[in-house]
Amino acid sequence: MWYSASVFMKGAHIITPPIEPFWEESIVLIDAPDAPAAMSKAEEIGRSKEHRYYVAEPSRHEIHWEFVRVERIFEIDCSRFSSGLEVFSRFLRDSEARSLLTPFDDER
C-alpha cells in the first residue's frame, strides 16, 4: 500500500543571543504493507535528514536540523498514480491556516 507522511523537522541556530528556530514540514511518499510500517519508515526518513552546517550571515554560526516527529500518516487509496491524485490532506484551525498563508519576511 502507499502512504504519505508529514515529517516535521526543526532548524535551530546555535548562537547567542538565540534566534527563533524555523521548521520544515515535508510530505514524503511511503510504500509499506500497513500504517505502522509506514510510520516506522517515515521516522527513519526523518532521522536520516538530521544534519548540521555553518552559515555566514548575520554572523558565522552552526545550524542543527533535528527530526521532531511524524505528524500524520495518510493512506493513499488508489491502484495507480495519476495527475490530481490526493497524496495528503488535513483539517486546519483558522489560526493554523493564517500562519501557513503568511510568507516569511524574505519572501515578500
PDB file of N, CA and C in Angstrom:
ATOM      1  N   MET A   1       0.835  -1.175   0.000  1.00  0.00           N
ATOM      2  CA  MET A   1       0.000   0.000   0.000  1.00  0.00           C
ATOM      3  C   MET A   1       0.885   1.246   0.000  1.00  0.00           C
ATOM      4  N   TRP A   2       0.295   2.329  -0.448  1.00  0.00           N
ATOM      5  CA  TRP A   2       1.008   3.605  -0.467  1.00  0.00           C
ATOM      6  C   TRP A   2       0.449   4.535   0.599  1.00  0.00           C
ATOM      7  N   TYR A   3       1.356   5.287   1.202  1.00  0.00           N
ATOM      8  CA  TYR A   3       1.016   6.267   2.233  1.00  0.00           C
ATOM      9  C   TYR A   3       1.802   7.542   1.966  1.00  0.00           C
ATOM     10  N   SER A   4       1.256   8.649   2.416  1.00  0.00           N
ATOM     11  CA  SER A   4       2.056   9.867   2.506  1.00  0.00           C
ATOM     12  C   SER A   4       2.247  10.132   3.990  1.00  0.00           C
ATOM     13  N   ALA A   5       3.372  10.741   4.311  1.00  0.00           N
ATOM     14  CA  ALA A   5       3.686  11.033   5.711  1.00  0.00           C
ATOM     15  C   ALA A   5       4.133  12.479   5.824  1.00  0.00           C
ATOM     16  N   SER A   6       3.626  13.157   6.829  1.00  0.00           N
ATOM     17  CA  SER A   6       4.014  14.529   7.134  1.00  0.00           C
ATOM     18  C   SER A   6       5.128  14.483   8.176  1.00  0.00           C
ATOM     19  N   VAL A   7       6.340  14.839   7.761  1.00  0.00           N
ATOM     20  CA  VAL A   7       7.529  14.759   8.617  1.00  0.00           C
ATOM     21  C   VAL A   7       7.930  16.171   9.040  1.00  0.00           C
ATOM     22  N   PHE A   8       8.035  16.395  10.349  1.00  0.00           N
ATOM     23  CA  PHE A   8       8.415  17.707  10.877  1.00  0.00           C
ATOM     24  C   PHE A   8       9.880  17.718  11.300  1.00  0.00           C
ATOM     25  N   MET A   9      10.600  18.741  10.805  1.00  0.00           N
ATOM     26  CA  MET A   9      11.998  18.962  11.155  1.00  0.00           C
ATOM     27  C   MET A   9      12.109  20.359  11.770  1.00  0.00           C
ATOM     28  N   LYS A  10      13.028  20.503  12.714  1.00  0.00           N
ATOM     29  CA  LYS A  10      13.249  21.796  13.371  1.00  0.00           C
ATOM     30  C   LYS A  10      14.683  22.230  13.123  1.00  0.00           C
ATOM     31  N   GLY A  11      14.830  23.467  12.652  1.00  0.00           N
ATOM     32  CA  GLY A  11      16.145  24.051  12.443  1.00  0.00           C
ATOM     33  C   GLY A  11      16.465  25.002  13.574  1.00  0.00           C
ATOM     34  N   ALA A  12      17.553  24.744  14.270  1.00  0.00           N
ATOM     35  CA  ALA A  12      17.930  25.577  15.415  1.00  0.00           C
ATOM     36  C   ALA A  12      19.259  26.271  15.144  1.00  0.00           C
ATOM     37  N   HIS A  13      19.274  27.592  15.357  1.00  0.00           N
ATOM     38  CA  HIS A  13      20.501  28.374  15.272  1.00  0.00           C
ATOM     39  C   HIS A  13      21.259  28.180  16.585  1.00  0.00           C
ATOM     40  N   ILE A  14      22.524  27.836  16.487  1.00  0.00           N
ATOM     41  CA  ILE A  14      23.363  27.708  17.678  1.00  0.00           C
ATOM     42  C   ILE A  14      24.186  28.993  17.777  1.00  0.00           C
ATOM     43  N   ILE A  15      23.590  29.980  18.441  1.00  0.00           N
ATOM     44  CA  ILE A  15      24.195  31.307  18.509  1.00  0.00           C
ATOM     45  C   ILE A  15      23.641  32.036  19.739  1.00  0.00           C
ATOM     46  N   THR A  16      24.420  32.971  20.248  1.00  0.00           N
ATOM     47  CA  THR A  16      23.988  33.829  21.343  1.00  0.00           C
ATOM     48  C   THR A  16      24.051  35.267  20.862  1.00  0.00           C
ATOM     49  N   PRO A  17      22.991  36.057  21.044  1.00  0.00           N
ATOM     50  CA  PRO A  17      21.709  35.691  21.638  1.00  0.00           C
ATOM     51  C   PRO A  17      20.944  34.753  20.708  1.00  0.00           C
ATOM     52  N   PRO A  18      20.029  33.982  21.271  1.00  0.00           N
ATOM     53  CA  PRO A  18      19.297  32.989  20.479  1.00  0.00           C
ATOM     54  C   PRO A  18      18.463  33.622  19.364  1.00  0.00           C
ATOM     55  N   ILE A  19      18.351  32.889  18.273  1.00  0.00           N
ATOM     56  CA  ILE A  19      17.486  33.266  17.151  1.00  0.00           C
ATOM     57  C   ILE A  19      16.350  32.248  17.124  1.00  0.00           C
ATOM     58  N   GLU A  20      15.142  32.727  16.813  1.00  0.00           N
ATOM     59  CA  GLU A  20      13.974  31.845  16.772  1.00  0.00           C
ATOM     60  C   GLU A  20      14.218  30.679  15.806  1.00  0.00           C
ATOM     61  N   PRO A  21      13.886  29.450  16.222  1.00  0.00           N
ATOM     62  CA  PRO A  21      14.064  28.304  15.325  1.00  0.00           C
ATOM     63  C   PRO A  21      13.105  28.379  14.135  1.00  0.00           C
ATOM     64  N   PHE A  22      13.376  27.592  13.122  1.00  0.00           N
ATOM     65  CA  PHE A  22      12.491  27.518  11.968  1.00  0.00           C
ATOM     66  C   PHE A  22      12.149  26.049  11.728  1.00  0.00           C
ATOM     67  N   TRP A  23      11.080  25.818  10.992  1.00  0.00           N
ATOM     68  CA  TRP A  23      10.523  24.475  10.843  1.00  0.00           C
ATOM     69  C   TRP A  23      10.358  24.122   9.374  1.00  0.00           C
ATOM     70  N   GLU A  24      10.405  22.816   9.098  1.00  0.00           N
ATOM     71  CA  GLU A  24      10.097  22.305   7.768  1.00  0.00           C
ATOM     72  C   GLU A  24       9.096  21.171   7.919  1.00  0.00           C
ATOM     73  N   GLU A  25       8.030  21.233   7.132  1.00  0.00           N
ATOM     74  CA  GLU A  25       7.114  20.103   7.024  1.00  0.00           C
ATOM     75  C   GLU A  25       7.354  19.511   5.650  1.00  0.00           C
ATOM     76  N   SER A  26       7.717  18.242   5.615  1.00  0.00           N
ATOM     77  CA  SER A  26       7.993  17.558   4.367  1.00  0.00           C
ATOM     78  C   SER A  26       6.978  16.431   4.200  1.00  0.00           C
ATOM     79  N   ILE A  27       6.336  16.365   3.046  1.00  0.00           N
ATOM     80  CA  ILE A  27       5.392  15.291   2.753  1.00  0.00           C
ATOM     81  C   ILE A  27       6.144  14.270   1.901  1.00  0.00           C
ATOM     82  N   VAL A  28       6.294  13.060   2.429  1.00  0.00           N
ATOM     83  CA  VAL A  28       7.036  12.015   1.726  1.00  0.00           C
ATOM     84  C   VAL A  28       6.109  10.857   1.376  1.00  0.00           C
ATOM     85  N   LEU A  29       6.429  10.186   0.297  1.00  0.00           N
ATOM     86  CA  LEU A  29       5.679   9.037  -0.177  1.00  0.00           C
ATOM     87  C   LEU A  29       6.310   7.766   0.381  1.00  0.00           C
ATOM     88  N   ILE A  30       5.483   6.873   0.923  1.00  0.00           N
ATOM     89  CA  ILE A  30       5.963   5.655   1.576  1.00  0.00           C
ATOM     90  C   ILE A  30       5.250   4.435   0.981  1.00  0.00           C
ATOM     91  N   ASP A  31       6.007   3.408   0.658  1.00  0.00           N
ATOM     92  CA  ASP A  31       5.451   2.116   0.239  1.00  0.00           C
ATOM     93  C   ASP A  31       5.627   1.165   1.417  1.00  0.00           C
ATOM     94  N   ALA A  32       4.507   0.719   2.006  1.00  0.00           N
ATOM     95  CA  ALA A  32       4.572  -0.141   3.202  1.00  0.00           C
ATOM     96  C   ALA A  32       3.339  -1.039   3.241  1.00  0.00           C
ATOM     97  N   PRO A  33       3.440  -2.173   3.935  1.00  0.00           N
ATOM     98  CA  PRO A  33       2.304  -3.098   3.997  1.00  0.00           C
ATOM     99  C   PRO A  33       1.138  -2.599   4.851  1.00  0.00           C
ATOM    100  N   ASP A  34       1.422  -1.703   5.821  1.00  0.00           N
ATOM    101  CA  ASP A  34       0.369  -1.204   6.705  1.00  0.00           C
ATOM    102  C   ASP A  34       0.809   0.118   7.331  1.00  0.00           C
ATOM    103  N   ALA A  35      -0.111   0.766   8.057  1.00  0.00           N
ATOM    104  CA  ALA A  35       0.169   2.081   8.646  1.00  0.00           C
ATOM    105  C   ALA A  35       1.316   2.061   9.657  1.00  0.00           C
ATOM    106  N   PRO A  36       1.406   1.059  10.562  1.00  0.00           N
ATOM    107  CA  PRO A  36       2.550   1.063  11.491  1.00  0.00           C
ATOM    108  C   PRO A  36       3.902   0.952  10.771  1.00  0.00           C
ATOM    109  N   ALA A  37       3.961   0.159   9.724  1.00  0.00           N
ATOM    110  CA  ALA A  37       5.209   0.046   8.958  1.00  0.00           C
ATOM    111  C   ALA A  37       5.513   1.354   8.244  1.00  0.00           C
ATOM    112  N   ALA A  38       4.475   2.021   7.729  1.00  0.00           N
ATOM    113  CA  ALA A  38       4.663   3.324   7.080  1.00  0.00           C
ATOM    114  C   ALA A  38       5.183   4.351   8.083  1.00  0.00           C
ATOM    115  N   MET A  39       4.641   4.333   9.292  1.00  0.00           N
ATOM    116  CA  MET A  39       5.099   5.244  10.345  1.00  0.00           C
ATOM    117  C   MET A  39       6.575   5.009  10.644  1.00  0.00           C
ATOM    118  N   SER A  40       6.957   3.764  10.764  1.00  0.00           N
ATOM    119  CA  SER A  40       8.346   3.420  11.051  1.00  0.00           C
ATOM    120  C   SER A  40       9.280   3.907   9.938  1.00  0.00           C
ATOM    121  N   LYS A  41       8.880   3.687   8.691  1.00  0.00           N
ATOM    122  CA  LYS A  41       9.700   4.146   7.562  1.00  0.00           C
ATOM    123  C   LYS A  41       9.796   5.671   7.545  1.00  0.00           C
ATOM    124  N   ALA A  42       8.690   6.346   7.832  1.00  0.00           N
ATOM    125  CA  ALA A  42       8.696   7.809   7.849  1.00  0.00           C
ATOM    126  C   ALA A  42       9.625   8.343   8.943  1.00  0.00           C
ATOM    127  N   GLU A  43       9.614   7.693  10.105  1.00  0.00           N
ATOM    128  CA  GLU A  43      10.518   8.101  11.187  1.00  0.00           C
ATOM    129  C   GLU A  43      11.973   7.903  10.780  1.00  0.00           C
ATOM    130  N   GLU A  44      12.277   6.808  10.089  1.00  0.00           N
ATOM    131  CA  GLU A  44      13.639   6.567   9.591  1.00  0.00           C
ATOM    132  C   GLU A  44      14.052   7.674   8.624  1.00  0.00           C
ATOM    133  N   ILE A  45      13.143   8.048   7.738  1.00  0.00           N
ATOM    134  CA  ILE A  45      13.433   9.122   6.781  1.00  0.00           C
ATOM    135  C   ILE A  45      13.713  10.419   7.534  1.00  0.00           C
ATOM    136  N   GLY A  46      12.868  10.738   8.523  1.00  0.00           N
ATOM    137  CA  GLY A  46      13.079  11.950   9.309  1.00  0.00           C
ATOM    138  C   GLY A  46      14.428  11.959   9.998  1.00  0.00           C
ATOM    139  N   ARG A  47      14.779  10.855  10.643  1.00  0.00           N
ATOM    140  CA  ARG A  47      16.082  10.789  11.331  1.00  0.00           C
ATOM    141  C   ARG A  47      17.246  10.896  10.337  1.00  0.00           C
ATOM    142  N   SER A  48      17.052  10.351   9.128  1.00  0.00           N
ATOM    143  CA  SER A  48      18.131  10.398   8.131  1.00  0.00           C
ATOM    144  C   SER A  48      18.363  11.819   7.611  1.00  0.00           C
ATOM    145  N   LYS A  49      17.383  12.714   7.791  1.00  0.00           N
ATOM    146  CA  LYS A  49      17.514  14.092   7.323  1.00  0.00           C
ATOM    147  C   LYS A  49      18.176  15.011   8.355  1.00  0.00           C
ATOM    148  N   GLU A  50      18.470  14.491   9.548  1.00  0.00           N
ATOM    149  CA  GLU A  50      19.145  15.313  10.558  1.00  0.00           C
ATOM    150  C   GLU A  50      20.561  15.633  10.085  1.00  0.00           C
ATOM    151  N   HIS A  51      20.959  16.894  10.220  1.00  0.00           N
ATOM    152  CA  HIS A  51      22.315  17.293   9.859  1.00  0.00           C
ATOM    153  C   HIS A  51      22.651  18.657  10.466  1.00  0.00           C
ATOM    154  N   ARG A  52      23.907  19.036  10.335  1.00  0.00           N
ATOM    155  CA  ARG A  52      24.403  20.322  10.844  1.00  0.00           C
ATOM    156  C   ARG A  52      25.231  20.985   9.759  1.00  0.00           C
ATOM    157  N   TYR A  53      25.217  22.299   9.763  1.00  0.00           N
ATOM    158  CA  TYR A  53      26.058  23.047   8.842  1.00  0.00           C
ATOM    159  C   TYR A  53      26.280  24.456   9.394  1.00  0.00           C
ATOM    160  N   TYR A  54      27.224  25.166   8.798  1.00  0.00           N
ATOM    161  CA  TYR A  54      27.526  26.535   9.218  1.00  0.00           C
ATOM    162  C   TYR A  54      26.978  27.535   8.206  1.00  0.00           C
ATOM    163  N   VAL A  55      26.524  28.670   8.721  1.00  0.00           N
ATOM    164  CA  VAL A  55      26.109  29.798   7.883  1.00  0.00           C
ATOM    165  C   VAL A  55      26.989  30.987   8.218  1.00  0.00           C
ATOM    166  N   ALA A  56      27.112  31.917   7.274  1.00  0.00           N
ATOM    167  CA  ALA A  56      27.980  33.078   7.488  1.00  0.00           C
ATOM    168  C   ALA A  56      27.205  34.311   7.928  1.00  0.00           C
ATOM    169  N   GLU A  57      25.926  34.386   7.636  1.00  0.00           N
ATOM    170  CA  GLU A  57      25.139  35.587   7.928  1.00  0.00           C
ATOM    171  C   GLU A  57      24.112  35.327   9.015  1.00  0.00           C
ATOM    172  N   PRO A  58      23.790  36.207   9.919  1.00  0.00           N
ATOM    173  CA  PRO A  58      24.444  37.505  10.094  1.00  0.00           C
ATOM    174  C   PRO A  58      25.819  37.370  10.732  1.00  0.00           C
ATOM    175  N   SER A  59      26.087  36.297  11.438  1.00  0.00           N
ATOM    176  CA  SER A  59      27.435  36.009  11.933  1.00  0.00           C
ATOM    177  C   SER A  59      27.632  34.503  11.841  1.00  0.00           C
ATOM    178  N   ARG A  60      28.849  34.095  11.653  1.00  0.00           N
ATOM    179  CA  ARG A  60      29.116  32.667  11.461  1.00  0.00           C
ATOM    180  C   ARG A  60      28.627  31.878  12.672  1.00  0.00           C
ATOM    181  N   HIS A  61      27.727  30.915  12.401  1.00  0.00           N
ATOM    182  CA  HIS A  61      27.236  30.049  13.470  1.00  0.00           C
ATOM    183  C   HIS A  61      26.693  28.760  12.868  1.00  0.00           C
ATOM    184  N   GLU A  62      26.454  27.811  13.727  1.00  0.00           N
ATOM    185  CA  GLU A  62      26.010  26.487  13.295  1.00  0.00           C
ATOM    186  C   GLU A  62      24.483  26.397  13.326  1.00  0.00           C
ATOM    187  N   ILE A  63      23.936  25.615  12.396  1.00  0.00           N
ATOM    188  CA  ILE A  63      22.508  25.306  12.377  1.00  0.00           C
ATOM    189  C   ILE A  63      22.365  23.790  12.501  1.00  0.00           C
ATOM    190  N   HIS A  64      21.469  23.376  13.383  1.00  0.00           N
ATOM    191  CA  HIS A  64      21.180  21.951  13.572  1.00  0.00           C
ATOM    192  C   HIS A  64      19.779  21.672  13.055  1.00  0.00           C
ATOM    193  N   TRP A  65      19.657  20.726  12.143  1.00  0.00           N
ATOM    194  CA  TRP A  65      18.347  20.245  11.721  1.00  0.00           C
ATOM    195  C   TRP A  65      18.062  18.967  12.480  1.00  0.00           C
ATOM    196  N   GLU A  66      16.944  18.966  13.195  1.00  0.00           N
ATOM    197  CA  GLU A  66      16.582  17.845  14.061  1.00  0.00           C
ATOM    198  C   GLU A  66      15.203  17.308  13.667  1.00  0.00           C
ATOM    199  N   PHE A  67      15.106  15.987  13.559  1.00  0.00           N
ATOM    200  CA  PHE A  67      13.817  15.343  13.338  1.00  0.00           C
ATOM    201  C   PHE A  67      12.985  15.495  14.605  1.00  0.00           C
ATOM    202  N   VAL A  68      11.744  15.974  14.461  1.00  0.00           N
ATOM    203  CA  VAL A  68      10.868  16.169  15.606  1.00  0.00           C
ATOM    204  C   VAL A  68       9.857  15.034  15.702  1.00  0.00           C
ATOM    205  N   ARG A  69       9.104  14.812  14.609  1.00  0.00           N
ATOM    206  CA  ARG A  69       8.127  13.734  14.631  1.00  0.00           C
ATOM    207  C   ARG A  69       7.453  13.592  13.275  1.00  0.00           C
ATOM    208  N   VAL A  70       6.809  12.448  13.119  1.00  0.00           N
ATOM    209  CA  VAL A  70       5.902  12.261  12.001  1.00  0.00           C
ATOM    210  C   VAL A  70       4.550  12.745  12.503  1.00  0.00           C
ATOM    211  N   GLU A  71       4.046  13.794  11.880  1.00  0.00           N
ATOM    212  CA  GLU A  71       2.808  14.406  12.353  1.00  0.00           C
ATOM    213  C   GLU A  71       1.593  13.567  11.973  1.00  0.00           C
ATOM    214  N   ARG A  72       1.641  12.947  10.790  1.00  0.00           N
ATOM    215  CA  ARG A  72       0.469  12.201  10.334  1.00  0.00           C
ATOM    216  C   ARG A  72       0.834  11.278   9.184  1.00  0.00           C
ATOM    217  N   ILE A  73       0.182  10.132   9.143  1.00  0.00           N
ATOM    218  CA  ILE A  73       0.260   9.192   8.030  1.00  0.00           C
ATOM    219  C   ILE A  73      -1.097   9.231   7.332  1.00  0.00           C
ATOM    220  N   PHE A  74      -1.066   9.257   6.004  1.00  0.00           N
ATOM    221  CA  PHE A  74      -2.300   9.336   5.223  1.00  0.00           C
ATOM    222  C   PHE A  74      -2.268   8.222   4.181  1.00  0.00           C
ATOM    223  N   GLU A  75      -3.205   7.292   4.256  1.00  0.00           N
ATOM    224  CA  GLU A  75      -3.258   6.201   3.283  1.00  0.00           C
ATOM    225  C   GLU A  75      -3.730   6.735   1.934  1.00  0.00           C
ATOM    226  N   ILE A  76      -3.006   6.369   0.890  1.00  0.00           N
ATOM    227  CA  ILE A  76      -3.373   6.760  -0.464  1.00  0.00           C
ATOM    228  C   ILE A  76      -4.119   5.581  -1.075  1.00  0.00           C
ATOM    229  N   ASP A  77      -5.395   5.764  -1.299  1.00  0.00           N
ATOM    230  CA  ASP A  77      -6.261   4.692  -1.784  1.00  0.00           C
ATOM    231  C   ASP A  77      -6.358   4.758  -3.302  1.00  0.00           C
ATOM    232  N   CYS A  78      -5.477   4.028  -3.983  1.00  0.00           N
ATOM    233  CA  CYS A  78      -5.518   4.021  -5.442  1.00  0.00           C
ATOM    234  C   CYS A  78      -4.793   2.793  -5.969  1.00  0.00           C
ATOM    235  N   SER A  79      -5.140   2.421  -7.169  1.00  0.00           N
ATOM    236  CA  SER A  79      -4.459   1.297  -7.808  1.00  0.00           C
ATOM    237  C   SER A  79      -3.314   1.776  -8.684  1.00  0.00           C
ATOM    238  N   ARG A  80      -3.355   3.045  -9.106  1.00  0.00           N
ATOM    239  CA  ARG A  80      -2.246   3.608  -9.873  1.00  0.00           C
ATOM    240  C   ARG A  80      -2.240   5.126  -9.715  1.00  0.00           C
ATOM    241  N   PHE A  81      -1.091   5.695  -9.888  1.00  0.00           N
ATOM    242  CA  PHE A  81      -0.938   7.133  -9.726  1.00  0.00           C
ATOM    243  C   PHE A  81      -1.342   7.861 -10.997  1.00  0.00           C
ATOM    244  N   SER A  82      -1.989   9.011 -10.824  1.00  0.00           N
ATOM    245  CA  SER A  82      -2.373   9.839 -11.962  1.00  0.00           C
ATOM    246  C   SER A  82      -2.396  11.301 -11.519  1.00  0.00           C
ATOM    247  N   SER A  83      -2.415  12.180 -12.472  1.00  0.00           N
ATOM    248  CA  SER A  83      -2.441  13.615 -12.187  1.00  0.00           C
ATOM    249  C   SER A  83      -3.668  13.958 -11.341  1.00  0.00           C
ATOM    250  N   GLY A  84      -3.446  14.744 -10.307  1.00  0.00           N
ATOM    251  CA  GLY A  84      -4.541  15.166  -9.441  1.00  0.00           C
ATOM    252  C   GLY A  84      -4.802  14.237  -8.271  1.00  0.00           C
ATOM    253  N   LEU A  85      -4.036  13.153  -8.150  1.00  0.00           N
ATOM    254  CA  LEU A  85      -4.208  12.222  -7.038  1.00  0.00           C
ATOM    255  C   LEU A  85      -3.913  12.924  -5.718  1.00  0.00           C
ATOM    256  N   GLU A  86      -4.812  12.840  -4.755  1.00  0.00           N
ATOM    257  CA  GLU A  86      -4.589  13.448  -3.446  1.00  0.00           C
ATOM    258  C   GLU A  86      -3.618  12.573  -2.659  1.00  0.00           C
ATOM    259  N   VAL A  87      -2.481  13.158  -2.255  1.00  0.00           N
ATOM    260  CA  VAL A  87      -1.484  12.407  -1.504  1.00  0.00           C
ATOM    261  C   VAL A  87      -1.417  12.804  -0.030  1.00  0.00           C
ATOM    262  N   PHE A  88      -2.081  13.904   0.319  1.00  0.00           N
ATOM    263  CA  PHE A  88      -2.097  14.312   1.717  1.00  0.00           C
ATOM    264  C   PHE A  88      -3.247  15.270   1.930  1.00  0.00           C
ATOM    265  N   SER A  89      -3.877  15.181   3.097  1.00  0.00           N
ATOM    266  CA  SER A  89      -4.989  16.054   3.426  1.00  0.00           C
ATOM    267  C   SER A  89      -5.069  16.191   4.936  1.00  0.00           C
ATOM    268  N   ARG A  90      -5.430  17.378   5.397  1.00  0.00           N
ATOM    269  CA  ARG A  90      -5.651  17.581   6.821  1.00  0.00           C
ATOM    270  C   ARG A  90      -6.564  18.773   7.018  1.00  0.00           C
ATOM    271  N   PHE A  91      -7.240  18.805   8.148  1.00  0.00           N
ATOM    272  CA  PHE A  91      -8.063  19.943   8.517  1.00  0.00           C
ATOM    273  C   PHE A  91      -7.223  20.896   9.350  1.00  0.00           C
ATOM    274  N   LEU A  92      -7.473  22.202   9.199  1.00  0.00           N
ATOM    275  CA  LEU A  92      -6.711  23.215   9.908  1.00  0.00           C
ATOM    276  C   LEU A  92      -7.638  24.144  10.671  1.00  0.00           C
ATOM    277  N   ARG A  93      -7.172  24.612  11.822  1.00  0.00           N
ATOM    278  CA  ARG A  93      -7.851  25.690  12.521  1.00  0.00           C
ATOM    279  C   ARG A  93      -7.589  26.982  11.745  1.00  0.00           C
ATOM    280  N   ASP A  94      -8.421  27.984  11.948  1.00  0.00           N
ATOM    281  CA  ASP A  94      -8.247  29.255  11.271  1.00  0.00           C
ATOM    282  C   ASP A  94      -6.856  29.825  11.522  1.00  0.00           C
ATOM    283  N   SER A  95      -6.383  29.770  12.770  1.00  0.00           N
ATOM    284  CA  SER A  95      -5.069  30.323  13.098  1.00  0.00           C
ATOM    285  C   SER A  95      -3.944  29.564  12.382  1.00  0.00           C
ATOM    286  N   GLU A  96      -4.095  28.250  12.229  1.00  0.00           N
ATOM    287  CA  GLU A  96      -3.081  27.454  11.518  1.00  0.00           C
ATOM    288  C   GLU A  96      -3.031  27.840  10.041  1.00  0.00           C
ATOM    289  N   ALA A  97      -4.203  27.981   9.433  1.00  0.00           N
ATOM    290  CA  ALA A  97      -4.257  28.357   8.022  1.00  0.00           C
ATOM    291  C   ALA A  97      -3.646  29.738   7.812  1.00  0.00           C
ATOM    292  N   ARG A  98      -3.984  30.683   8.677  1.00  0.00           N
ATOM    293  CA  ARG A  98      -3.429  32.034   8.550  1.00  0.00           C
ATOM    294  C   ARG A  98      -1.908  32.007   8.680  1.00  0.00           C
ATOM    295  N   SER A  99      -1.403  31.201   9.604  1.00  0.00           N
ATOM    296  CA  SER A  99       0.038  31.083   9.778  1.00  0.00           C
ATOM    297  C   SER A  99       0.694  30.511   8.527  1.00  0.00           C
ATOM    298  N   LEU A 100       0.107  29.470   7.959  1.00  0.00           N
ATOM    299  CA  LEU A 100       0.662  28.854   6.746  1.00  0.00           C
ATOM    300  C   LEU A 100       0.618  29.805   5.551  1.00  0.00           C
ATOM    301  N   LEU A 101      -0.356  30.695   5.513  1.00  0.00           N
ATOM    302  CA  LEU A 101      -0.501  31.616   4.395  1.00  0.00           C
ATOM    303  C   LEU A 101       0.317  32.895   4.549  1.00  0.00           C
ATOM    304  N   THR A 102       0.969  33.062   5.702  1.00  0.00           N
ATOM    305  CA  THR A 102       1.792  34.242   5.952  1.00  0.00           C
ATOM    306  C   THR A 102       3.209  33.961   5.463  1.00  0.00           C
ATOM    307  N   PRO A 103       3.701  34.730   4.475  1.00  0.00           N
ATOM    308  CA  PRO A 103       5.046  34.470   3.950  1.00  0.00           C
ATOM    309  C   PRO A 103       6.133  34.868   4.950  1.00  0.00           C
ATOM    310  N   PHE A 104       7.284  34.240   4.796  1.00  0.00           N
ATOM    311  CA  PHE A 104       8.452  34.662   5.560  1.00  0.00           C
ATOM    312  C   PHE A 104       8.845  36.054   5.087  1.00  0.00           C
ATOM    313  N   ASP A 105       9.509  36.807   5.943  1.00  0.00           N
ATOM    314  CA  ASP A 105       9.901  38.180   5.601  1.00  0.00           C
ATOM    315  C   ASP A 105      10.712  38.252   4.308  1.00  0.00           C
ATOM    316  N   ASP A 106      11.581  37.270   4.070  1.00  0.00           N
ATOM    317  CA  ASP A 106      12.448  37.310   2.900  1.00  0.00           C
ATOM    318  C   ASP A 106      11.726  36.880   1.624  1.00  0.00           C
ATOM    319  N   GLU A 107      10.474  36.479   1.704  1.00  0.00           N
ATOM    320  CA  GLU A 107       9.730  36.035   0.527  1.00  0.00           C
ATOM    321  C   GLU A 107       8.710  37.069   0.061  1.00  0.00           C
ATOM    322  N   ARG A 108       8.679  38.233   0.653  1.00  0.00           N
ATOM    323  CA  ARG A 108       7.703  39.263   0.271  1.00  0.00           C
ATOM    324  C   ARG A 108       8.137  40.014  -0.935  1.00  0.00           C
TER     325      ARG A 108
END
